[in-house]
Structure formats: structure tokens, C-alpha cells
C-alpha atoms as a PDB file:
ATOM      1  CA  MET A   1       1.391  12.474 -10.678  1.00  0.00           C
ATOM      2  CA  SER A   2      -0.340  10.387  -8.021  1.00  0.00           C
ATOM      3  CA  THR A   3       1.770   8.769  -5.337  1.00  0.00           C
ATOM      4  CA  LEU A   4       1.908   5.036  -4.719  1.00  0.00           C
ATOM      5  CA  LEU A   5       0.017   5.662  -1.479  1.00  0.00           C
ATOM      6  CA  GLU A   6      -2.842   7.384  -3.281  1.00  0.00           C
ATOM      7  CA  GLU A   7      -3.070   4.773  -6.018  1.00  0.00           C
ATOM      8  CA  LEU A   8      -3.019   1.837  -3.601  1.00  0.00           C
ATOM      9  CA  ALA A   9      -5.678   3.465  -1.411  1.00  0.00           C
ATOM     10  CA  LEU A  10      -7.879   4.218  -4.407  1.00  0.00           C
ATOM     11  CA  LEU A  11      -7.643   0.601  -5.577  1.00  0.00           C
ATOM     12  CA  SER A  12      -8.465  -0.585  -2.074  1.00  0.00           C
ATOM     13  CA  TYR A  13     -11.594   1.556  -1.738  1.00  0.00           C
ATOM     14  CA  ASP A  14     -12.800   0.845  -5.273  1.00  0.00           C
ATOM     15  CA  GLY A  15     -15.516  -1.599  -4.248  1.00  0.00           C
ATOM     16  CA  THR A  16     -19.068  -1.811  -3.041  1.00  0.00           C
ATOM     17  CA  THR A  17     -18.445  -1.959   0.713  1.00  0.00           C
ATOM     18  CA  GLY A  18     -16.819   1.431   1.233  1.00  0.00           C
ATOM     19  CA  ARG A  19     -14.243  -0.256   3.456  1.00  0.00           C
ATOM     20  CA  PRO A  20     -10.544  -0.704   2.694  1.00  0.00           C
ATOM     21  CA  ALA A  21      -8.699  -3.956   2.132  1.00  0.00           C
ATOM     22  CA  GLY A  22      -7.667  -5.641   5.357  1.00  0.00           C
ATOM     23  CA  TYR A  23      -3.955  -4.955   5.020  1.00  0.00           C
ATOM     24  CA  LEU A  24      -4.139  -1.509   3.427  1.00  0.00           C
ATOM     25  CA  ASP A  25      -2.353   0.130   6.357  1.00  0.00           C
ATOM     26  CA  LEU A  26       0.684  -2.124   5.883  1.00  0.00           C
ATOM     27  CA  GLY A  27       0.511  -1.559   2.146  1.00  0.00           C
ATOM     28  CA  LEU A  28       0.659   2.186   2.716  1.00  0.00           C
ATOM     29  CA  GLY A  29       3.665   1.725   4.985  1.00  0.00           C
ATOM     30  CA  GLY A  30       5.317  -0.184   2.168  1.00  0.00           C
ATOM     31  CA  ALA A  31       4.286   2.510  -0.317  1.00  0.00           C
ATOM     32  CA  VAL A  32       6.105   5.156   1.735  1.00  0.00           C
ATOM     33  CA  LEU A  33       9.261   3.059   1.774  1.00  0.00           C
ATOM     34  CA  TYR A  34       8.953   2.473  -1.966  1.00  0.00           C
ATOM     35  CA  GLU A  35       8.624   6.212  -2.612  1.00  0.00           C
ATOM     36  CA  LEU A  36      11.703   6.863  -0.495  1.00  0.00           C
ATOM     37  CA  ALA A  37      13.700   4.025  -2.047  1.00  0.00           C
ATOM     38  CA  LEU A  38      12.843   5.069  -5.602  1.00  0.00           C
ATOM     39  CA  ALA A  39      13.865   8.633  -4.737  1.00  0.00           C
ATOM     40  CA  GLY A  40      17.222   7.431  -3.389  1.00  0.00           C
ATOM     41  CA  ARG A  41      16.424   8.529   0.168  1.00  0.00           C
ATOM     42  CA  ILE A  42      16.663   5.122   1.871  1.00  0.00           C
ATOM     43  CA  GLY A  43      18.272   1.756   1.258  1.00  0.00           C
ATOM     44  CA  LEU A  44      19.268  -1.467   2.959  1.00  0.00           C
ATOM     45  CA  ASP A  45      22.490  -1.692   4.936  1.00  0.00           C
ATOM     46  CA  GLY A  46      22.703  -5.408   5.519  1.00  0.00           C
ATOM     47  CA  LYS A  47      19.215  -6.158   6.815  1.00  0.00           C
ATOM     48  CA  LYS A  48      18.540  -2.698   8.249  1.00  0.00           C
ATOM     49  CA  VAL A  49      16.831   0.261   6.603  1.00  0.00           C
ATOM     50  CA  ARG A  50      18.994   3.356   6.649  1.00  0.00           C
ATOM     51  CA  VAL A  51      18.602   6.895   5.374  1.00  0.00           C
ATOM     52  CA  LEU A  52      20.923   7.610   2.455  1.00  0.00           C
ATOM     53  CA  ASP A  53      19.791  11.175   1.806  1.00  0.00           C
ATOM     54  CA  PRO A  54      17.656  13.149   4.313  1.00  0.00           C
ATOM     55  CA  ALA A  55      16.628  15.793   1.765  1.00  0.00           C
ATOM     56  CA  PRO A  56      12.833  16.199   1.509  1.00  0.00           C
ATOM     57  CA  THR A  57      11.064  14.737  -1.512  1.00  0.00           C
ATOM     58  CA  GLY A  58       8.414  17.453  -1.584  1.00  0.00           C
ATOM     59  CA  ASP A  59       5.587  15.196  -0.419  1.00  0.00           C
ATOM     60  CA  PRO A  60       4.670  16.131   3.173  1.00  0.00           C
ATOM     61  CA  VAL A  61       3.326  12.684   4.093  1.00  0.00           C
ATOM     62  CA  VAL A  62       6.383  10.878   2.766  1.00  0.00           C
ATOM     63  CA  ASP A  63       8.787  13.469   4.177  1.00  0.00           C
ATOM     64  CA  ALA A  64       7.309  13.169   7.676  1.00  0.00           C
ATOM     65  CA  ARG A  65       8.044   9.443   7.595  1.00  0.00           C
ATOM     66  CA  LEU A  66      11.537  10.071   6.211  1.00  0.00           C
ATOM     67  CA  ALA A  67      12.267  12.326   9.182  1.00  0.00           C
ATOM     68  CA  ALA A  68      10.891   9.679  11.549  1.00  0.00           C
ATOM     69  CA  ILE A  69      13.097   6.975  10.027  1.00  0.00           C
ATOM     70  CA  ALA A  70      16.128   9.245  10.289  1.00  0.00           C
ATOM     71  CA  ALA A  71      15.405   9.926  13.974  1.00  0.00           C
ATOM     72  CA  ASP A  72      14.728   6.279  14.795  1.00  0.00           C
ATOM     73  CA  LYS A  73      17.170   3.444  15.358  1.00  0.00           C
ATOM     74  CA  PRO A  74      17.886   1.255  12.313  1.00  0.00           C
ATOM     75  CA  ARG A  75      15.194  -1.372  11.891  1.00  0.00           C
ATOM     76  CA  SER A  76      14.709  -4.447   9.749  1.00  0.00           C
ATOM     77  CA  ALA A  77      12.783  -3.844   6.554  1.00  0.00           C
ATOM     78  CA  HIS A  78       9.546  -5.484   7.694  1.00  0.00           C
ATOM     79  CA  ALA A  79       9.723  -3.688  11.058  1.00  0.00           C
ATOM     80  CA  ALA A  80      10.169  -0.406   9.179  1.00  0.00           C
ATOM     81  CA  VAL A  81       7.023  -1.170   7.164  1.00  0.00           C
ATOM     82  CA  GLU A  82       5.070  -1.900  10.348  1.00  0.00           C
ATOM     83  CA  ARG A  83       6.290   1.223  12.122  1.00  0.00           C
ATOM     84  CA  THR A  84       5.780   3.490   9.117  1.00  0.00           C
ATOM     85  CA  ALA A  85       2.233   2.172   8.710  1.00  0.00           C
ATOM     86  CA  LYS A  86       1.095   3.431  12.112  1.00  0.00           C
ATOM     87  CA  ARG A  87      -1.608   6.127  11.868  1.00  0.00           C
ATOM     88  CA  LEU A  88      -0.917   6.468   8.146  1.00  0.00           C
ATOM     89  CA  LEU A  89      -4.229   5.245   6.729  1.00  0.00           C
ATOM     90  CA  PRO A  90      -6.393   8.103   8.105  1.00  0.00           C
ATOM     91  CA  THR A  91      -3.882  10.652   6.811  1.00  0.00           C
ATOM     92  CA  VAL A  92      -3.907   9.265   3.275  1.00  0.00           C
ATOM     93  CA  ARG A  93      -7.655   8.621   3.239  1.00  0.00           C
ATOM     94  CA  ASP A  94      -8.552  12.082   4.542  1.00  0.00           C
ATOM     95  CA  GLY A  95      -6.192  13.639   2.014  1.00  0.00           C
ATOM     96  CA  LEU A  96      -8.041  11.872  -0.798  1.00  0.00           C
ATOM     97  CA  VAL A  97     -11.357  13.085   0.622  1.00  0.00           C
ATOM     98  CA  ALA A  98     -10.058  16.665   0.784  1.00  0.00           C
ATOM     99  CA  ALA A  99      -8.841  16.389  -2.815  1.00  0.00           C
ATOM    100  CA  GLY A 100     -12.248  15.176  -3.969  1.00  0.00           C
ATOM    101  CA  VAL A 101     -10.950  11.749  -4.995  1.00  0.00           C
ATOM    102  CA  LEU A 102     -12.884   9.861  -2.313  1.00  0.00           C
ATOM    103  CA  ARG A 103     -16.199  10.821  -0.752  1.00  0.00           C
ATOM    104  CA  ARG A 104     -17.150  10.094   2.841  1.00  0.00           C
ATOM    105  CA  GLU A 105     -20.562   8.548   3.462  1.00  0.00           C
ATOM    106  CA  ARG A 106     -21.833   8.575   7.030  1.00  0.00           C
ATOM    107  CA  GLY A 107     -24.145   5.800   8.109  1.00  0.00           C
ATOM    108  CA  LYS A 108     -24.871   3.334  10.886  1.00  0.00           C
ATOM    109  CA  ALA A 109     -23.888  -0.287  11.349  1.00  0.00           C
ATOM    110  CA  LEU A 110     -26.797  -2.460  12.479  1.00  0.00           C
ATOM    111  CA  GLY A 111     -28.810   0.743  12.485  1.00  0.00           C
ATOM    112  CA  ILE A 112     -27.098   1.798  15.713  1.00  0.00           C
ATOM    113  CA  PHE A 113     -23.353   2.382  15.517  1.00  0.00           C
ATOM    114  CA  PRO A 114     -22.030   5.355  13.521  1.00  0.00           C
ATOM    115  CA  VAL A 115     -19.756   4.284  10.688  1.00  0.00           C
ATOM    116  CA  ASP A 116     -18.034   6.089   7.844  1.00  0.00           C
ATOM    117  CA  ARG A 117     -17.576   4.505   4.445  1.00  0.00           C
ATOM    118  CA  TYR A 118     -15.466   5.836   1.599  1.00  0.00           C
ATOM    119  CA  ARG A 119     -16.074   5.499  -2.109  1.00  0.00           C
ATOM    120  CA  PRO A 120     -14.345   6.900  -5.202  1.00  0.00           C
ATOM    121  CA  GLN A 121     -15.917  10.024  -6.633  1.00  0.00           C
ATOM    122  CA  HIS A 122     -15.113   8.726 -10.114  1.00  0.00           C
ATOM    123  CA  ARG A 123     -14.700   4.983 -10.568  1.00  0.00           C
ATOM    124  CA  SER A 124     -12.830   5.607 -13.813  1.00  0.00           C
ATOM    125  CA  ALA A 125      -9.762   6.714 -11.844  1.00  0.00           C
ATOM    126  CA  ALA A 126      -9.263   3.302 -10.245  1.00  0.00           C
ATOM    127  CA  ALA A 127     -10.237   1.612 -13.507  1.00  0.00           C
ATOM    128  CA  GLY A 128      -7.386   3.422 -15.221  1.00  0.00           C
ATOM    129  CA  ILE A 129      -4.918   2.176 -12.625  1.00  0.00           C
ATOM    130  CA  ARG A 130      -6.157  -1.400 -13.003  1.00  0.00           C
ATOM    131  CA  THR A 131      -5.844  -1.139 -16.778  1.00  0.00           C
ATOM    132  CA  ARG A 132      -2.255   0.048 -16.437  1.00  0.00           C
ATOM    133  CA  LEU A 133      -1.379  -2.870 -14.174  1.00  0.00           C
ATOM    134  CA  ALA A 134      -3.101  -5.387 -16.449  1.00  0.00           C
ATOM    135  CA  SER A 135      -1.273  -4.015 -19.480  1.00  0.00           C
ATOM    136  CA  ALA A 136       2.070  -4.299 -17.714  1.00  0.00           C
ATOM    137  CA  VAL A 137       1.377  -7.897 -16.730  1.00  0.00           C
ATOM    138  CA  ARG A 138       0.208  -8.784 -20.238  1.00  0.00           C
ATOM    139  CA  THR A 139       3.158  -7.219 -22.055  1.00  0.00           C
ATOM    140  CA  GLY A 140       5.838  -7.787 -19.442  1.00  0.00           C
ATOM    141  CA  ARG A 141       6.861  -4.126 -19.680  1.00  0.00           C
ATOM    142  CA  PHE A 142       7.018  -2.377 -16.310  1.00  0.00           C
ATOM    143  CA  ASP A 143       8.203   1.073 -15.361  1.00  0.00           C
ATOM    144  CA  GLU A 144       9.535   1.193 -11.808  1.00  0.00           C
ATOM    145  CA  ARG A 145       6.425   2.776 -10.293  1.00  0.00           C
ATOM    146  CA  THR A 146       4.034   0.324 -11.933  1.00  0.00           C
ATOM    147  CA  ALA A 147       6.241  -2.542 -10.754  1.00  0.00           C
ATOM    148  CA  ALA A 148       6.185  -1.093  -7.230  1.00  0.00           C
ATOM    149  CA  LEU A 149       2.391  -0.757  -7.213  1.00  0.00           C
ATOM    150  CA  LEU A 150       1.976  -4.306  -8.494  1.00  0.00           C
ATOM    151  CA  ALA A 151       4.318  -5.551  -5.764  1.00  0.00           C
ATOM    152  CA  LEU A 152       2.224  -3.802  -3.111  1.00  0.00           C
ATOM    153  CA  VAL A 153      -1.026  -5.188  -4.539  1.00  0.00           C
ATOM    154  CA  ALA A 154       0.496  -8.661  -4.346  1.00  0.00           C
ATOM    155  CA  ALA A 155       1.976  -8.147  -0.873  1.00  0.00           C
ATOM    156  CA  VAL A 156      -1.328  -7.079   0.700  1.00  0.00           C
ATOM    157  CA  ARG A 157      -3.359  -9.695  -1.203  1.00  0.00           C
ATOM    158  CA  MET A 158      -5.471  -7.326  -3.262  1.00  0.00           C
ATOM    159  CA  GLU A 159      -4.947  -9.269  -6.483  1.00  0.00           C
ATOM    160  CA  LYS A 160      -8.540 -10.529  -6.761  1.00  0.00           C
ATOM    161  CA  ALA A 161      -9.927  -7.024  -6.360  1.00  0.00           C
ATOM    162  CA  VAL A 162      -7.522  -5.547  -8.900  1.00  0.00           C
ATOM    163  CA  PHE A 163      -7.541  -8.420 -11.402  1.00  0.00           C
ATOM    164  CA  ALA A 164     -11.211  -9.393 -11.375  1.00  0.00           C
ATOM    165  CA  ASP A 165     -10.931 -11.502 -14.534  1.00  0.00           C
ATOM    166  CA  ARG A 166      -9.604 -14.905 -13.475  1.00  0.00           C
ATOM    167  CA  GLN A 167      -8.518 -15.664 -17.035  1.00  0.00           C
ATOM    168  CA  THR A 168      -6.012 -12.805 -17.069  1.00  0.00           C
ATOM    169  CA  ARG A 169      -5.086 -12.833 -13.380  1.00  0.00           C
ATOM    170  CA  PRO A 170      -1.478 -13.893 -12.739  1.00  0.00           C
ATOM    171  CA  SER A 171      -0.884 -17.057 -10.745  1.00  0.00           C
ATOM    172  CA  ARG A 172      -0.044 -17.132  -7.041  1.00  0.00           C
ATOM    173  CA  LYS A 173       3.535 -17.969  -7.951  1.00  0.00           C
ATOM    174  CA  GLU A 174       3.714 -14.936 -10.220  1.00  0.00           C
ATOM    175  CA  PHE A 175       2.234 -12.658  -7.555  1.00  0.00           C
ATOM    176  CA  LYS A 176       4.772 -13.939  -5.035  1.00  0.00           C
ATOM    177  CA  ALA A 177       7.540 -13.111  -7.505  1.00  0.00           C
ATOM    178  CA  PHE A 178       6.102  -9.621  -8.059  1.00  0.00           C
ATOM    179  CA  ALA A 179       5.979  -8.962  -4.312  1.00  0.00           C
ATOM    180  CA  GLU A 180       9.517 -10.162  -3.657  1.00  0.00           C
ATOM    181  CA  ALA A 181      11.269  -8.599  -6.655  1.00  0.00           C
ATOM    182  CA  HIS A 182      12.276  -5.584  -4.522  1.00  0.00           C
ATOM    183  CA  TRP A 183      13.195  -5.521  -0.850  1.00  0.00           C
ATOM    184  CA  VAL A 184      10.300  -3.204   0.015  1.00  0.00           C
ATOM    185  CA  GLY A 185       7.748  -5.551  -1.515  1.00  0.00           C
ATOM    186  CA  ALA A 186       9.286  -8.522   0.272  1.00  0.00           C
ATOM    187  CA  ALA A 187       9.257  -6.595   3.559  1.00  0.00           C
ATOM    188  CA  THR A 188       5.604  -5.641   3.122  1.00  0.00           C
ATOM    189  CA  ARG A 189       4.700  -9.250   2.408  1.00  0.00           C
ATOM    190  CA  LYS A 190       6.530 -10.339   5.561  1.00  0.00           C
ATOM    191  CA  ALA A 191       4.733  -7.684   7.627  1.00  0.00           C
ATOM    192  CA  VAL A 192       1.400  -9.072   6.394  1.00  0.00           C
ATOM    193  CA  ALA A 193       2.489 -12.619   7.274  1.00  0.00           C
ATOM    194  CA  ASN A 194       3.567 -11.447  10.729  1.00  0.00           C
ATOM    195  CA  ARG A 195       0.143  -9.923  11.363  1.00  0.00           C
ATOM    196  CA  ASP A 196      -1.517 -13.139  10.249  1.00  0.00           C
ATOM    197  CA  GLY A 197       0.660 -15.054  12.689  1.00  0.00           C
ATOM    198  CA  ALA A 198      -0.126 -12.683  15.544  1.00  0.00           C
ATOM    199  CA  ASN A 199      -3.855 -12.866  14.816  1.00  0.00           C
ATOM    200  CA  ALA A 200      -3.772 -16.661  14.695  1.00  0.00           C
ATOM    201  CA  ALA A 201      -1.878 -16.826  17.982  1.00  0.00           C
ATOM    202  CA  ALA A 202      -4.354 -14.469  19.638  1.00  0.00           C
ATOM    203  CA  ALA A 203      -7.308 -16.482  18.366  1.00  0.00           C
ATOM    204  CA  SER A 204      -5.919 -19.742  19.732  1.00  0.00           C
ATOM    205  CA  SER A 205      -4.942 -18.397  23.154  1.00  0.00           C
END
């Protein structure tokens, strides 16, 4: 079974540019917290994320972050997303390349600067994930992992890429509800908003 990290990354790279969605790193941070929360390893104590069970889940990427959370001071949920996201994208992306899910294409930007782009080896894999999400939205029947993935898609604003058909795409209000239905989704959405605020402040200074 694919992890939420792998599925979100595959959806993000399933395009023509070979570049990820702008907030994929924060989405992956949220995906780690979702995996840990669904496995009963972490939870909220007031407004702070705390480890409930330090036992490994069996996924080395997720378990490394679990150990880091356990060793760290308690943090707010959105701060935990931001901290967990650090240096996570290359790890997940390179793992998908090694597994043959993504392929790396080396090229040059402006014909000068070396740049790597990443594309799915088989576009049907991401298409299957999109179909699953669309079916859940259409029927209103969600298992917990599909609900978590939909929340992450909404939180990092990937809805247009995932739901290309405007006629079947949920409304902004519905996407907001998806993102905030669980504390991890709400925290990821807040982390994205915080980055937007920081970028806007930097641009105006």
C-alpha cells in the first residue's frame, strides 16, 4: 500500500512541467503527521502535538520524523507541519525515483542552468488516485486514508490539478471543509497560509 506521502507526491508531479506543486513540501509534512495520527502514534494535547506511542510504524521515513518529534519540545500543530516538512521533499522524491515510480530528466533552464525535472513513469498510477478521490467526493463515502489525502490536496491548493473537470470539482467551501475536518489538515492549511503571509511581507519590504 502506498503512503500518503507517495500518493501526494505522485499527484503533484503528474503534470507537464516536471516540477512539483508550490506547497508540496508542507503537504508532505502534513502527510507524515497524518500517517502518525492514523497509526495512533501522535495526537493533540491542547494545542500541542505530542507522541502517544513511540513504537515504529515500519516506514523509515515516517519513523525518522516520529523520533524527531519525540526528541523535540511540544509544538503547535502547524509548527509541527513546518518542522516536519524540512528536507522531506528530496527524500520522498528520490525514493519514488529509486522505486521506478518517477523518472528524473536532466536538462537546462534557459539553455544554461542545470535543472532536474521529474515525471511519472506510468501516468495511470496518478490517474487511479484521482479517480479514487473523485469517486469519494461523488458518493460521499470516504475511508480514513482517502479523506486524509483529500484534505492534503485541499490544504496545499492542488484541487485544480487533481480535479481537472470544473463540473465535478468541489467548491472552495467544500475544499475548506475537507482540509479542516481533521486537525492535521487544518494545521497544514495554516502552514500554507503562514508561508503566504511571510512571502507577502518579504515582497513588500
